[in-house]
Amino acid sequence: MSVTHISPLEALSQVLAEDMGRVNALIRERMASENAPRIPEVTAHLIEAGGKRIRPMMTLAAARLCGYAGDAHVKLAATVEFIHTATLLHDDVVDESAQRRGRPTANLLWDNKSSVLVGDYLFARAFQLMVEPGNLRALTILSNAAAVIAEGEVLQLTAAQNIATSEDTYMKVIRGKTAALFSAATQVGPVVAGAPEAQVQALYDYGDALGICFQIVDDFLDYGGAGDGLGKNLGDDFRERKLTLPVIRAIAAANAEERAFWERTIGRGEQHDADLAQAMALMARHGTLASTRQTALDWAARARQALEPLPDHPLKAMLADLADFVVERVN
């Protein structure tokens, strides 16, 4: 008899299926617009492209783990997904991306103006939703996260192509643009549940560590993976001249000749056909992919450790397994 194994994300999805059904219904309802039909066209294109829905599931799981029995967590989870979707629309414009999740981006199918304005609409919808539960602290957490995300994106923009960018700046960028929404997603769950402060802090720390791990894994896979078949190809970050952890560490270890290579390819954007192979050879020489992989594993371990103060619950084990799932791709 064959045994079918499902991933931790699929297991979490099954446990939260009813709540996620309500979240998805609410998203479809609130992204509608009678006056501007382009809004549902653009949002439907992105939302229906698929996606793991990991952030709203974290909100639902955190609330249930802390014993919440109401329905405000559904609105907060939808808020989290609206914020995430809005940032994707804006990111694709900033990065001049042509594909996301294996499909043409909204800015390619429509135009940059539509993507930016629909992203703004989704942010507005997110703020409407986060107010409705009437929980001032949850509102503060999510509104602060929206500001931190924007700040992280601007910091990334100003640090882009600057080969003097440090690991400290890189961590500030990913803590802003990625981890801020993860930590907000998990923090509002115990807040709306009225959980003890120790549990609120534990779930915040979990989300923060998981978000950092998630982004480091993504940055590792741009050089250490084989393309994901969904529009992200090996070396995309190199071609876009992004200063990610493997590159920052390779530059820090570079001799004068290697530094000149990085200044030409990343700093000035003068790239030739053989440059990606050369970049990966330099990373291999200095072990920066291996060290980046280890850093991702360390953050996954921090995420699991952060859960220790929480009560025993099947969802606690699932969240711990989710941290393992995030780093599974680098093992």
C-alpha atoms as a PDB file:
ATOM      1  CA  MET A   1       0.000   0.000   0.000  1.00  0.00           C
ATOM      2  CA  SER A   2       1.422   3.368  -0.987  1.00  0.00           C
ATOM      3  CA  VAL A   3       1.441   6.181   1.534  1.00  0.00           C
ATOM      4  CA  THR A   4       0.798   9.698   0.289  1.00  0.00           C
ATOM      5  CA  HIS A   5       2.864  12.304   2.088  1.00  0.00           C
ATOM      6  CA  ILE A   6       1.755  15.920   2.032  1.00  0.00           C
ATOM      7  CA  SER A   7       3.883  18.959   2.729  1.00  0.00           C
ATOM      8  CA  PRO A   8       3.557  20.905   6.003  1.00  0.00           C
ATOM      9  CA  LEU A   9       1.994  23.744   4.019  1.00  0.00           C
ATOM     10  CA  GLU A  10      -0.624  21.418   2.543  1.00  0.00           C
ATOM     11  CA  ALA A  11      -1.335  19.976   5.996  1.00  0.00           C
ATOM     12  CA  LEU A  12      -1.820  23.469   7.417  1.00  0.00           C
ATOM     13  CA  SER A  13      -4.021  24.369   4.456  1.00  0.00           C
ATOM     14  CA  GLN A  14      -6.258  21.365   5.107  1.00  0.00           C
ATOM     15  CA  VAL A  15      -6.669  22.173   8.797  1.00  0.00           C
ATOM     16  CA  LEU A  16      -7.506  25.806   8.001  1.00  0.00           C
ATOM     17  CA  ALA A  17      -9.584  25.046   4.893  1.00  0.00           C
ATOM     18  CA  GLU A  18     -12.866  26.392   6.274  1.00  0.00           C
ATOM     19  CA  ASP A  19     -11.353  29.636   7.517  1.00  0.00           C
ATOM     20  CA  MET A  20      -9.339  30.075   4.309  1.00  0.00           C
ATOM     21  CA  GLY A  21     -12.525  29.575   2.293  1.00  0.00           C
ATOM     22  CA  ARG A  22     -14.024  32.520   4.169  1.00  0.00           C
ATOM     23  CA  VAL A  23     -10.854  34.576   3.634  1.00  0.00           C
ATOM     24  CA  ASN A  24     -10.897  33.902  -0.104  1.00  0.00           C
ATOM     25  CA  ALA A  25     -14.595  34.762  -0.353  1.00  0.00           C
ATOM     26  CA  LEU A  26     -13.962  38.030   1.469  1.00  0.00           C
ATOM     27  CA  ILE A  27     -11.037  38.846  -0.831  1.00  0.00           C
ATOM     28  CA  ARG A  28     -13.192  38.291  -3.931  1.00  0.00           C
ATOM     29  CA  GLU A  29     -15.956  40.441  -2.452  1.00  0.00           C
ATOM     30  CA  ARG A  30     -13.701  43.345  -1.474  1.00  0.00           C
ATOM     31  CA  MET A  31     -11.631  43.461  -4.652  1.00  0.00           C
ATOM     32  CA  ALA A  32     -14.766  44.161  -6.684  1.00  0.00           C
ATOM     33  CA  SER A  33     -15.417  47.635  -8.087  1.00  0.00           C
ATOM     34  CA  GLU A  34     -18.528  48.645 -10.038  1.00  0.00           C
ATOM     35  CA  ASN A  35     -17.007  51.960 -11.080  1.00  0.00           C
ATOM     36  CA  ALA A  36     -13.607  50.759 -12.295  1.00  0.00           C
ATOM     37  CA  PRO A  37     -13.762  47.307 -13.908  1.00  0.00           C
ATOM     38  CA  ARG A  38     -10.004  47.291 -14.452  1.00  0.00           C
ATOM     39  CA  ILE A  39      -9.533  46.838 -10.693  1.00  0.00           C
ATOM     40  CA  PRO A  40     -11.086  43.344 -10.504  1.00  0.00           C
ATOM     41  CA  GLU A  41      -9.466  42.454 -13.832  1.00  0.00           C
ATOM     42  CA  VAL A  42      -5.967  43.227 -12.572  1.00  0.00           C
ATOM     43  CA  THR A  43      -6.436  41.796  -9.077  1.00  0.00           C
ATOM     44  CA  ALA A  44      -8.084  38.625 -10.370  1.00  0.00           C
ATOM     45  CA  HIS A  45      -5.167  38.059 -12.747  1.00  0.00           C
ATOM     46  CA  LEU A  46      -2.697  38.161  -9.881  1.00  0.00           C
ATOM     47  CA  ILE A  47      -4.745  36.415  -7.197  1.00  0.00           C
ATOM     48  CA  GLU A  48      -5.943  33.638  -9.499  1.00  0.00           C
ATOM     49  CA  ALA A  49      -2.363  32.942 -10.607  1.00  0.00           C
ATOM     50  CA  GLY A  50      -2.060  30.903  -7.456  1.00  0.00           C
ATOM     51  CA  GLY A  51       0.216  31.400  -4.544  1.00  0.00           C
ATOM     52  CA  LYS A  52       0.701  29.640  -1.263  1.00  0.00           C
ATOM     53  CA  ARG A  53      -1.385  32.071   0.819  1.00  0.00           C
ATOM     54  CA  ILE A  54       1.162  31.428   3.541  1.00  0.00           C
ATOM     55  CA  ARG A  55       0.755  34.837   5.217  1.00  0.00           C
ATOM     56  CA  PRO A  56      -3.033  34.766   5.789  1.00  0.00           C
ATOM     57  CA  MET A  57      -2.779  31.137   6.914  1.00  0.00           C
ATOM     58  CA  MET A  58      -0.237  32.232   9.531  1.00  0.00           C
ATOM     59  CA  THR A  59      -2.742  34.766  10.888  1.00  0.00           C
ATOM     60  CA  LEU A  60      -5.484  32.144  11.078  1.00  0.00           C
ATOM     61  CA  ALA A  61      -3.190  29.546  12.649  1.00  0.00           C
ATOM     62  CA  ALA A  62      -1.802  31.978  15.238  1.00  0.00           C
ATOM     63  CA  ALA A  63      -5.300  33.033  16.306  1.00  0.00           C
ATOM     64  CA  ARG A  64      -6.569  29.442  16.568  1.00  0.00           C
ATOM     65  CA  LEU A  65      -3.418  28.341  18.392  1.00  0.00           C
ATOM     66  CA  CYS A  66      -4.198  30.962  21.056  1.00  0.00           C
ATOM     67  CA  GLY A  67      -7.768  29.723  21.454  1.00  0.00           C
ATOM     68  CA  TYR A  68      -9.586  32.336  19.390  1.00  0.00           C
ATOM     69  CA  ALA A  69     -13.180  31.385  18.552  1.00  0.00           C
ATOM     70  CA  GLY A  70     -14.493  34.532  16.835  1.00  0.00           C
ATOM     71  CA  ASP A  71     -14.311  35.636  13.210  1.00  0.00           C
ATOM     72  CA  ALA A  72     -12.195  38.827  13.276  1.00  0.00           C
ATOM     73  CA  HIS A  73      -9.141  36.759  12.307  1.00  0.00           C
ATOM     74  CA  VAL A  74     -10.740  36.181   8.884  1.00  0.00           C
ATOM     75  CA  LYS A  75     -10.795  39.921   8.176  1.00  0.00           C
ATOM     76  CA  LEU A  76      -7.257  40.339   9.474  1.00  0.00           C
ATOM     77  CA  ALA A  77      -6.028  37.448   7.314  1.00  0.00           C
ATOM     78  CA  ALA A  78      -7.669  39.022   4.251  1.00  0.00           C
ATOM     79  CA  THR A  79      -6.013  42.320   5.195  1.00  0.00           C
ATOM     80  CA  VAL A  80      -2.621  40.612   5.223  1.00  0.00           C
ATOM     81  CA  GLU A  81      -3.219  39.122   1.770  1.00  0.00           C
ATOM     82  CA  PHE A  82      -4.378  42.468   0.352  1.00  0.00           C
ATOM     83  CA  ILE A  83      -1.212  44.153   1.643  1.00  0.00           C
ATOM     84  CA  HIS A  84       0.909  41.383   0.153  1.00  0.00           C
ATOM     85  CA  THR A  85      -0.859  41.542  -3.218  1.00  0.00           C
ATOM     86  CA  ALA A  86      -0.536  45.336  -3.345  1.00  0.00           C
ATOM     87  CA  THR A  87       3.208  45.098  -2.739  1.00  0.00           C
ATOM     88  CA  LEU A  88       3.545  42.501  -5.530  1.00  0.00           C
ATOM     89  CA  LEU A  89       1.883  44.862  -8.002  1.00  0.00           C
ATOM     90  CA  HIS A  90       4.190  47.692  -6.999  1.00  0.00           C
ATOM     91  CA  ASP A  91       7.282  45.454  -6.938  1.00  0.00           C
ATOM     92  CA  ASP A  92       6.719  44.273 -10.498  1.00  0.00           C
ATOM     93  CA  VAL A  93       6.641  47.872 -11.685  1.00  0.00           C
ATOM     94  CA  VAL A  94       9.793  48.814  -9.756  1.00  0.00           C
ATOM     95  CA  ASP A  95      11.647  45.683 -10.922  1.00  0.00           C
ATOM     96  CA  GLU A  96      10.266  45.948 -14.479  1.00  0.00           C
ATOM     97  CA  SER A  97       9.280  42.274 -14.164  1.00  0.00           C
ATOM     98  CA  ALA A  98       7.665  40.393 -17.034  1.00  0.00           C
ATOM     99  CA  GLN A  99       6.606  37.229 -15.194  1.00  0.00           C
ATOM    100  CA  ARG A 100       5.234  36.232 -11.812  1.00  0.00           C
ATOM    101  CA  ARG A 101       4.212  32.677 -10.927  1.00  0.00           C
ATOM    102  CA  GLY A 102       4.728  31.671 -14.535  1.00  0.00           C
ATOM    103  CA  ARG A 103       2.298  34.243 -15.937  1.00  0.00           C
ATOM    104  CA  PRO A 104       2.789  37.682 -17.494  1.00  0.00           C
ATOM    105  CA  THR A 105       2.760  40.417 -14.858  1.00  0.00           C
ATOM    106  CA  ALA A 106      -0.090  42.925 -14.630  1.00  0.00           C
ATOM    107  CA  ASN A 107       2.204  45.775 -15.665  1.00  0.00           C
ATOM    108  CA  LEU A 108       3.039  43.851 -18.843  1.00  0.00           C
ATOM    109  CA  LEU A 109      -0.569  42.946 -19.680  1.00  0.00           C
ATOM    110  CA  TRP A 110      -1.976  46.368 -18.828  1.00  0.00           C
ATOM    111  CA  ASP A 111       0.548  49.084 -17.935  1.00  0.00           C
ATOM    112  CA  ASN A 112       2.560  50.483 -15.049  1.00  0.00           C
ATOM    113  CA  LYS A 113      -0.061  53.089 -14.198  1.00  0.00           C
ATOM    114  CA  SER A 114      -2.774  50.461 -13.801  1.00  0.00           C
ATOM    115  CA  SER A 115      -0.547  48.277 -11.605  1.00  0.00           C
ATOM    116  CA  VAL A 116       0.409  51.145  -9.303  1.00  0.00           C
ATOM    117  CA  LEU A 117      -3.135  52.477  -8.969  1.00  0.00           C
ATOM    118  CA  VAL A 118      -4.703  49.046  -8.412  1.00  0.00           C
ATOM    119  CA  GLY A 119      -2.010  48.385  -5.817  1.00  0.00           C
ATOM    120  CA  ASP A 120      -3.050  51.629  -4.111  1.00  0.00           C
ATOM    121  CA  TYR A 121      -6.682  50.465  -4.229  1.00  0.00           C
ATOM    122  CA  LEU A 122      -5.749  47.200  -2.512  1.00  0.00           C
ATOM    123  CA  PHE A 123      -3.861  49.079   0.196  1.00  0.00           C
ATOM    124  CA  ALA A 124      -6.999  51.185   0.761  1.00  0.00           C
ATOM    125  CA  ARG A 125      -9.118  48.024   0.976  1.00  0.00           C
ATOM    126  CA  ALA A 126      -6.621  46.573   3.436  1.00  0.00           C
ATOM    127  CA  PHE A 127      -7.006  49.595   5.709  1.00  0.00           C
ATOM    128  CA  GLN A 128     -10.799  49.371   5.510  1.00  0.00           C
ATOM    129  CA  LEU A 129     -10.652  45.713   6.517  1.00  0.00           C
ATOM    130  CA  MET A 130      -8.168  46.109   9.361  1.00  0.00           C
ATOM    131  CA  VAL A 131     -10.414  48.721  11.004  1.00  0.00           C
ATOM    132  CA  GLU A 132     -13.535  46.531  11.010  1.00  0.00           C
ATOM    133  CA  PRO A 133     -12.605  44.158  13.882  1.00  0.00           C
ATOM    134  CA  GLY A 134     -12.380  47.224  16.142  1.00  0.00           C
ATOM    135  CA  ASN A 135      -9.079  46.133  17.695  1.00  0.00           C
ATOM    136  CA  LEU A 136      -6.816  49.163  17.971  1.00  0.00           C
ATOM    137  CA  ARG A 137      -3.668  47.160  18.649  1.00  0.00           C
ATOM    138  CA  ALA A 138      -4.225  44.914  15.612  1.00  0.00           C
ATOM    139  CA  LEU A 139      -4.812  48.052  13.527  1.00  0.00           C
ATOM    140  CA  THR A 140      -1.567  49.557  14.835  1.00  0.00           C
ATOM    141  CA  ILE A 141       0.424  46.384  14.037  1.00  0.00           C
ATOM    142  CA  LEU A 142      -0.837  46.088  10.465  1.00  0.00           C
ATOM    143  CA  SER A 143      -0.645  49.793   9.641  1.00  0.00           C
ATOM    144  CA  ASN A 144       2.911  49.914  11.012  1.00  0.00           C
ATOM    145  CA  ALA A 145       3.792  46.879   8.898  1.00  0.00           C
ATOM    146  CA  ALA A 146       2.531  48.632   5.759  1.00  0.00           C
ATOM    147  CA  ALA A 147       4.820  51.577   6.503  1.00  0.00           C
ATOM    148  CA  VAL A 148       7.816  49.338   7.275  1.00  0.00           C
ATOM    149  CA  ILE A 149       7.316  47.402   4.023  1.00  0.00           C
ATOM    150  CA  ALA A 150       7.391  50.619   2.007  1.00  0.00           C
ATOM    151  CA  GLU A 151      10.455  51.774   3.932  1.00  0.00           C
ATOM    152  CA  GLY A 152      12.219  48.474   3.178  1.00  0.00           C
ATOM    153  CA  GLU A 153      11.458  48.781  -0.522  1.00  0.00           C
ATOM    154  CA  VAL A 154      12.835  52.330  -0.643  1.00  0.00           C
ATOM    155  CA  LEU A 155      15.962  51.242   1.266  1.00  0.00           C
ATOM    156  CA  GLN A 156      16.457  48.423  -1.251  1.00  0.00           C
ATOM    157  CA  LEU A 157      16.094  50.916  -4.095  1.00  0.00           C
ATOM    158  CA  THR A 158      18.710  53.253  -2.648  1.00  0.00           C
ATOM    159  CA  ALA A 159      21.099  50.351  -1.904  1.00  0.00           C
ATOM    160  CA  ALA A 160      20.659  48.763  -5.341  1.00  0.00           C
ATOM    161  CA  GLN A 161      23.758  48.448  -7.498  1.00  0.00           C
ATOM    162  CA  ASN A 162      25.925  49.808  -4.685  1.00  0.00           C
ATOM    163  CA  ILE A 163      28.595  47.167  -4.092  1.00  0.00           C
ATOM    164  CA  ALA A 164      29.439  48.786  -0.754  1.00  0.00           C
ATOM    165  CA  THR A 165      26.067  47.544   0.580  1.00  0.00           C
ATOM    166  CA  SER A 166      26.664  45.720   3.867  1.00  0.00           C
ATOM    167  CA  GLU A 167      25.035  42.663   5.407  1.00  0.00           C
ATOM    168  CA  ASP A 168      23.524  44.973   8.008  1.00  0.00           C
ATOM    169  CA  THR A 169      21.767  46.977   5.276  1.00  0.00           C
ATOM    170  CA  TYR A 170      20.669  43.755   3.570  1.00  0.00           C
ATOM    171  CA  MET A 171      19.086  42.543   6.831  1.00  0.00           C
ATOM    172  CA  LYS A 172      17.288  45.861   7.247  1.00  0.00           C
ATOM    173  CA  VAL A 173      15.933  45.527   3.695  1.00  0.00           C
ATOM    174  CA  ILE A 174      14.606  41.988   4.066  1.00  0.00           C
ATOM    175  CA  ARG A 175      13.297  42.600   7.572  1.00  0.00           C
ATOM    176  CA  GLY A 176      11.327  45.484   6.078  1.00  0.00           C
ATOM    177  CA  LYS A 177      10.156  44.222   2.715  1.00  0.00           C
ATOM    178  CA  THR A 178       9.500  40.573   3.712  1.00  0.00           C
ATOM    179  CA  ALA A 179       9.700  39.784   7.422  1.00  0.00           C
ATOM    180  CA  ALA A 180       7.552  42.753   8.522  1.00  0.00           C
ATOM    181  CA  LEU A 181       4.412  41.253   6.998  1.00  0.00           C
ATOM    182  CA  PHE A 182       5.210  37.743   8.279  1.00  0.00           C
ATOM    183  CA  SER A 183       5.636  39.018  11.848  1.00  0.00           C
ATOM    184  CA  ALA A 184       2.537  41.221  11.634  1.00  0.00           C
ATOM    185  CA  ALA A 185       0.545  38.278  10.269  1.00  0.00           C
ATOM    186  CA  THR A 186       1.456  36.076  13.226  1.00  0.00           C
ATOM    187  CA  GLN A 187       1.303  38.838  15.844  1.00  0.00           C
ATOM    188  CA  VAL A 188      -2.265  39.975  15.140  1.00  0.00           C
ATOM    189  CA  GLY A 189      -3.548  36.422  15.714  1.00  0.00           C
ATOM    190  CA  PRO A 190      -2.753  36.295  19.452  1.00  0.00           C
ATOM    191  CA  VAL A 191      -3.631  39.982  19.822  1.00  0.00           C
ATOM    192  CA  VAL A 192      -7.190  39.486  18.557  1.00  0.00           C
ATOM    193  CA  ALA A 193      -7.395  36.341  20.718  1.00  0.00           C
ATOM    194  CA  GLY A 194      -6.496  38.352  23.835  1.00  0.00           C
ATOM    195  CA  ALA A 195      -3.561  36.028  24.484  1.00  0.00           C
ATOM    196  CA  PRO A 196      -0.910  36.683  27.165  1.00  0.00           C
ATOM    197  CA  GLU A 197       1.893  39.018  26.139  1.00  0.00           C
ATOM    198  CA  ALA A 198       4.435  36.184  26.173  1.00  0.00           C
ATOM    199  CA  GLN A 199       2.449  34.415  23.446  1.00  0.00           C
ATOM    200  CA  VAL A 200       2.106  37.622  21.406  1.00  0.00           C
ATOM    201  CA  GLN A 201       5.872  38.118  21.554  1.00  0.00           C
ATOM    202  CA  ALA A 202       6.581  34.466  20.751  1.00  0.00           C
ATOM    203  CA  LEU A 203       4.460  34.555  17.610  1.00  0.00           C
ATOM    204  CA  TYR A 204       5.936  37.893  16.553  1.00  0.00           C
ATOM    205  CA  ASP A 205       9.443  36.426  16.922  1.00  0.00           C
ATOM    206  CA  TYR A 206       8.378  33.337  14.981  1.00  0.00           C
ATOM    207  CA  GLY A 207       7.002  35.383  12.086  1.00  0.00           C
ATOM    208  CA  ASP A 208      10.052  37.641  12.014  1.00  0.00           C
ATOM    209  CA  ALA A 209      12.492  34.714  11.880  1.00  0.00           C
ATOM    210  CA  LEU A 210      10.404  32.809   9.335  1.00  0.00           C
ATOM    211  CA  GLY A 211      10.148  35.874   7.083  1.00  0.00           C
ATOM    212  CA  ILE A 212      13.905  36.439   7.164  1.00  0.00           C
ATOM    213  CA  CYS A 213      14.493  32.743   6.444  1.00  0.00           C
ATOM    214  CA  PHE A 214      11.972  32.853   3.578  1.00  0.00           C
ATOM    215  CA  GLN A 215      13.770  35.732   1.845  1.00  0.00           C
ATOM    216  CA  ILE A 216      17.260  34.327   2.361  1.00  0.00           C
ATOM    217  CA  VAL A 217      16.119  31.015   0.850  1.00  0.00           C
ATOM    218  CA  ASP A 218      14.696  32.896  -2.135  1.00  0.00           C
ATOM    219  CA  ASP A 219      17.964  34.782  -2.592  1.00  0.00           C
ATOM    220  CA  PHE A 220      19.992  31.562  -2.269  1.00  0.00           C
ATOM    221  CA  LEU A 221      17.903  29.791  -4.905  1.00  0.00           C
ATOM    222  CA  ASP A 222      18.602  32.487  -7.469  1.00  0.00           C
ATOM    223  CA  TYR A 223      22.138  31.102  -7.616  1.00  0.00           C
ATOM    224  CA  GLY A 224      21.880  27.726  -5.895  1.00  0.00           C
ATOM    225  CA  GLY A 225      18.665  26.452  -7.476  1.00  0.00           C
ATOM    226  CA  ALA A 226      17.683  25.353 -10.952  1.00  0.00           C
ATOM    227  CA  GLY A 227      14.911  27.836 -11.696  1.00  0.00           C
ATOM    228  CA  ASP A 228      11.479  27.181 -10.277  1.00  0.00           C
ATOM    229  CA  GLY A 229       9.598  26.720 -13.535  1.00  0.00           C
ATOM    230  CA  LEU A 230       7.348  29.613 -12.565  1.00  0.00           C
ATOM    231  CA  GLY A 231       9.055  32.518 -14.238  1.00  0.00           C
ATOM    232  CA  LYS A 232      12.059  32.807 -11.921  1.00  0.00           C
ATOM    233  CA  ASN A 233      15.236  31.676 -13.665  1.00  0.00           C
ATOM    234  CA  LEU A 234      18.713  31.043 -12.359  1.00  0.00           C
ATOM    235  CA  GLY A 235      20.561  34.345 -12.154  1.00  0.00           C
ATOM    236  CA  ASP A 236      17.594  36.714 -12.391  1.00  0.00           C
ATOM    237  CA  ASP A 237      18.859  38.657  -9.367  1.00  0.00           C
ATOM    238  CA  PHE A 238      22.322  38.929 -10.959  1.00  0.00           C
ATOM    239  CA  ARG A 239      20.860  40.282 -14.203  1.00  0.00           C
ATOM    240  CA  GLU A 240      18.743  42.752 -12.192  1.00  0.00           C
ATOM    241  CA  ARG A 241      21.902  43.743 -10.246  1.00  0.00           C
ATOM    242  CA  LYS A 242      20.413  42.973  -6.838  1.00  0.00           C
ATOM    243  CA  LEU A 243      22.706  42.944  -3.834  1.00  0.00           C
ATOM    244  CA  THR A 244      21.608  39.754  -2.080  1.00  0.00           C
ATOM    245  CA  LEU A 245      23.420  37.856   0.662  1.00  0.00           C
ATOM    246  CA  PRO A 246      25.520  35.492  -1.519  1.00  0.00           C
ATOM    247  CA  VAL A 247      26.777  38.443  -3.586  1.00  0.00           C
ATOM    248  CA  ILE A 248      27.382  40.730  -0.602  1.00  0.00           C
ATOM    249  CA  ARG A 249      29.510  38.030   1.032  1.00  0.00           C
ATOM    250  CA  ALA A 250      31.411  37.351  -2.203  1.00  0.00           C
ATOM    251  CA  ILE A 251      32.191  41.075  -2.548  1.00  0.00           C
ATOM    252  CA  ALA A 252      33.331  41.271   1.085  1.00  0.00           C
ATOM    253  CA  ALA A 253      35.788  38.416   0.436  1.00  0.00           C
ATOM    254  CA  ALA A 254      36.925  39.660  -3.000  1.00  0.00           C
ATOM    255  CA  ASN A 255      40.434  40.576  -4.011  1.00  0.00           C
ATOM    256  CA  ALA A 256      41.041  43.629  -6.208  1.00  0.00           C
ATOM    257  CA  GLU A 257      40.446  41.769  -9.478  1.00  0.00           C
ATOM    258  CA  GLU A 258      37.223  40.176  -8.203  1.00  0.00           C
ATOM    259  CA  ARG A 259      35.989  43.471  -6.825  1.00  0.00           C
ATOM    260  CA  ALA A 260      36.494  45.046 -10.244  1.00  0.00           C
ATOM    261  CA  PHE A 261      34.335  42.281 -11.700  1.00  0.00           C
ATOM    262  CA  TRP A 262      31.528  43.035  -9.237  1.00  0.00           C
ATOM    263  CA  GLU A 263      31.831  46.779  -9.835  1.00  0.00           C
ATOM    264  CA  ARG A 264      31.495  46.229 -13.589  1.00  0.00           C
ATOM    265  CA  THR A 265      28.629  43.711 -13.512  1.00  0.00           C
ATOM    266  CA  ILE A 266      26.592  44.908 -10.523  1.00  0.00           C
ATOM    267  CA  GLY A 267      27.780  48.466  -9.990  1.00  0.00           C
ATOM    268  CA  ARG A 268      27.772  49.633 -13.617  1.00  0.00           C
ATOM    269  CA  GLY A 269      25.576  46.927 -15.152  1.00  0.00           C
ATOM    270  CA  GLU A 270      28.052  45.993 -17.886  1.00  0.00           C
ATOM    271  CA  GLN A 271      27.270  42.289 -18.204  1.00  0.00           C
ATOM    272  CA  HIS A 272      28.415  39.734 -20.779  1.00  0.00           C
ATOM    273  CA  ASP A 273      27.259  36.198 -21.523  1.00  0.00           C
ATOM    274  CA  ALA A 274      29.882  34.484 -19.369  1.00  0.00           C
ATOM    275  CA  ASP A 275      29.477  36.768 -16.360  1.00  0.00           C
ATOM    276  CA  LEU A 276      26.829  34.750 -14.501  1.00  0.00           C
ATOM    277  CA  ALA A 277      29.075  31.674 -14.616  1.00  0.00           C
ATOM    278  CA  GLN A 278      31.963  33.808 -13.365  1.00  0.00           C
ATOM    279  CA  ALA A 279      29.837  35.227 -10.542  1.00  0.00           C
ATOM    280  CA  MET A 280      28.848  31.725  -9.435  1.00  0.00           C
ATOM    281  CA  ALA A 281      32.482  30.589  -9.624  1.00  0.00           C
ATOM    282  CA  LEU A 282      33.474  33.429  -7.293  1.00  0.00           C
ATOM    283  CA  MET A 283      30.694  32.502  -4.872  1.00  0.00           C
ATOM    284  CA  ALA A 284      31.904  28.903  -4.929  1.00  0.00           C
ATOM    285  CA  ARG A 285      35.507  30.044  -4.349  1.00  0.00           C
ATOM    286  CA  HIS A 286      34.533  31.953  -1.224  1.00  0.00           C
ATOM    287  CA  GLY A 287      31.815  29.548  -0.031  1.00  0.00           C
ATOM    288  CA  THR A 288      29.143  32.218   0.035  1.00  0.00           C
ATOM    289  CA  LEU A 289      26.319  29.978  -1.184  1.00  0.00           C
ATOM    290  CA  ALA A 290      27.133  27.428   1.519  1.00  0.00           C
ATOM    291  CA  SER A 291      27.244  30.151   4.183  1.00  0.00           C
ATOM    292  CA  THR A 292      23.979  31.670   2.912  1.00  0.00           C
ATOM    293  CA  ARG A 293      22.337  28.254   3.087  1.00  0.00           C
ATOM    294  CA  GLN A 294      23.546  27.862   6.681  1.00  0.00           C
ATOM    295  CA  THR A 295      22.218  31.306   7.579  1.00  0.00           C
ATOM    296  CA  ALA A 296      18.784  30.295   6.251  1.00  0.00           C
ATOM    297  CA  LEU A 297      18.887  27.102   8.327  1.00  0.00           C
ATOM    298  CA  ASP A 298      19.863  29.130  11.415  1.00  0.00           C
ATOM    299  CA  TRP A 299      16.863  31.439  10.973  1.00  0.00           C
ATOM    300  CA  ALA A 300      14.558  28.432  10.540  1.00  0.00           C
ATOM    301  CA  ALA A 301      15.877  27.071  13.826  1.00  0.00           C
ATOM    302  CA  ARG A 302      15.191  30.451  15.466  1.00  0.00           C
ATOM    303  CA  ALA A 303      11.627  30.328  14.179  1.00  0.00           C
ATOM    304  CA  ARG A 304      11.066  26.873  15.681  1.00  0.00           C
ATOM    305  CA  GLN A 305      12.660  27.945  18.963  1.00  0.00           C
ATOM    306  CA  ALA A 306      10.426  31.017  19.174  1.00  0.00           C
ATOM    307  CA  LEU A 307       7.375  28.747  19.429  1.00  0.00           C
ATOM    308  CA  GLU A 308       8.543  27.091  22.669  1.00  0.00           C
ATOM    309  CA  PRO A 309       6.576  29.361  25.083  1.00  0.00           C
ATOM    310  CA  LEU A 310       3.298  28.530  23.317  1.00  0.00           C
ATOM    311  CA  PRO A 311       0.888  25.875  24.628  1.00  0.00           C
ATOM    312  CA  ASP A 312       0.936  22.382  23.158  1.00  0.00           C
ATOM    313  CA  HIS A 313      -1.402  22.330  20.179  1.00  0.00           C
ATOM    314  CA  PRO A 314      -1.450  20.590  16.781  1.00  0.00           C
ATOM    315  CA  LEU A 315      -1.088  24.007  15.113  1.00  0.00           C
ATOM    316  CA  LYS A 316       2.088  24.694  17.092  1.00  0.00           C
ATOM    317  CA  ALA A 317       3.659  21.569  15.599  1.00  0.00           C
ATOM    318  CA  MET A 318       2.435  22.580  12.140  1.00  0.00           C
ATOM    319  CA  LEU A 319       4.018  26.018  12.407  1.00  0.00           C
ATOM    320  CA  ALA A 320       7.289  24.384  13.476  1.00  0.00           C
ATOM    321  CA  ASP A 321       7.048  22.056  10.468  1.00  0.00           C
ATOM    322  CA  LEU A 322       6.399  25.097   8.255  1.00  0.00           C
ATOM    323  CA  ALA A 323       9.814  26.476   9.196  1.00  0.00           C
ATOM    324  CA  ASP A 324      11.366  23.186   8.035  1.00  0.00           C
ATOM    325  CA  PHE A 325       9.329  23.377   4.821  1.00  0.00           C
ATOM    326  CA  VAL A 326      10.644  26.863   3.994  1.00  0.00           C
ATOM    327  CA  VAL A 327      14.273  25.660   4.120  1.00  0.00           C
ATOM    328  CA  GLU A 328      13.527  22.321   2.485  1.00  0.00           C
ATOM    329  CA  ARG A 329      14.382  23.794  -0.911  1.00  0.00           C
ATOM    330  CA  VAL A 330      17.985  24.479   0.125  1.00  0.00           C
ATOM    331  CA  ASN A 331      18.603  20.995   1.550  1.00  0.00           C
END
